[in-house]
């Protein structure tokens, strides 16, 4: 996967992408809550960046922090097995 320049996460481009992603998907894709949401760039956007294509808010993933932590813990557990 392409490495994203750390400055990107503070950029106007990322701010706009997040706002558009939240407009499209205003709730967590896992549990449906509208609280404590995080926008993730998504694998397709990493591939698009690698290919020199513009990022697309439709490929972002919206998830709440609670579900994100659960997914991260499950990934850690699988990695240790």
Protein backbone atom coordinates (compact mmCIF):
# COMPACT_ATOMS: atom_id res chain seq x y z
CA UNK A 1 0.00 0.00 0.00
CA UNK A 2 1.07 3.53 -0.64
CA UNK A 3 2.42 5.49 2.26
CA UNK A 4 0.48 8.69 2.84
CA UNK A 5 2.50 11.78 3.70
CA UNK A 6 1.74 12.66 7.35
CA UNK A 7 0.94 16.25 6.28
CA UNK A 8 -2.02 14.89 4.29
CA UNK A 9 -3.96 14.15 7.50
CA UNK A 10 -3.90 17.88 8.34
CA UNK A 11 -4.66 19.05 4.80
CA UNK A 12 -7.70 20.78 3.40
CA UNK A 13 -8.05 17.86 0.96
CA UNK A 14 -8.50 15.39 3.86
CA UNK A 15 -10.89 17.75 5.68
CA UNK A 16 -13.08 18.00 2.57
CA UNK A 17 -12.91 14.25 1.94
CA UNK A 18 -14.02 13.54 5.53
CA UNK A 19 -16.90 16.01 5.34
CA UNK A 20 -18.12 14.51 2.06
CA UNK A 21 -17.79 10.94 3.41
CA UNK A 22 -19.87 11.89 6.46
CA UNK A 23 -22.48 13.51 4.23
CA UNK A 24 -22.75 10.29 2.20
CA UNK A 25 -22.59 7.95 5.22
CA UNK A 26 -23.63 9.81 8.40
CA UNK A 27 -23.63 6.72 10.64
CA UNK A 28 -21.25 3.91 11.60
CA UNK A 29 -21.20 1.21 8.92
CA UNK A 30 -21.07 -1.47 11.62
CA UNK A 31 -23.54 -0.49 14.36
CA UNK A 32 -25.45 2.45 12.88
CA UNK A 33 -24.67 5.02 15.57
CA UNK A 34 -24.16 8.66 14.61
CA UNK A 35 -21.91 9.30 17.64
CA UNK A 36 -18.10 9.45 17.87
CA UNK A 37 -17.52 8.77 14.16
CA UNK A 38 -14.17 8.37 12.44
CA UNK A 39 -13.56 8.52 8.69
CA UNK A 40 -11.05 5.96 7.43
CA UNK A 41 -9.44 6.42 4.04
CA UNK A 42 -10.27 2.89 2.85
CA UNK A 43 -8.20 0.39 0.87
CA UNK A 44 -9.54 1.51 -2.50
CA UNK A 45 -8.35 5.05 -1.85
CA UNK A 46 -4.88 3.76 -0.97
CA UNK A 47 -4.85 1.93 -4.31
CA UNK A 48 -6.11 5.03 -6.12
CA UNK A 49 -3.36 7.14 -4.51
CA UNK A 50 -0.76 4.54 -5.56
CA UNK A 51 -2.07 4.71 -9.14
CA UNK A 52 -1.92 8.51 -9.16
CA UNK A 53 -5.71 8.86 -9.16
CA UNK A 54 -7.64 11.33 -7.00
CA UNK A 55 -9.12 10.13 -3.74
CA UNK A 56 -12.87 9.50 -3.70
CA UNK A 57 -15.10 10.03 -0.66
CA UNK A 58 -17.30 7.13 -1.78
CA UNK A 59 -14.43 4.76 -0.93
CA UNK A 60 -13.94 6.13 2.59
CA UNK A 61 -15.20 4.06 5.50
CA UNK A 62 -17.20 5.63 8.33
CA UNK A 63 -17.03 3.81 11.66
CA UNK A 64 -17.49 4.78 15.29
CA UNK A 65 -14.53 4.63 17.65
CA UNK A 66 -16.09 1.76 19.62
CA UNK A 67 -16.47 -0.48 16.54
CA UNK A 68 -13.04 0.57 15.30
CA UNK A 69 -11.43 -0.52 18.59
CA UNK A 70 -13.28 -3.86 18.41
CA UNK A 71 -12.01 -4.44 14.85
CA UNK A 72 -8.47 -3.50 15.83
CA UNK A 73 -8.56 -5.90 18.80
CA UNK A 74 -9.91 -8.72 16.62
CA UNK A 75 -7.10 -8.08 14.12
CA UNK A 76 -4.50 -8.24 16.91
CA UNK A 77 -5.96 -11.50 18.23
CA UNK A 78 -5.90 -13.07 14.74
CA UNK A 79 -2.31 -11.91 14.20
CA UNK A 80 -1.19 -13.60 17.42
CA UNK A 81 -2.76 -16.95 16.55
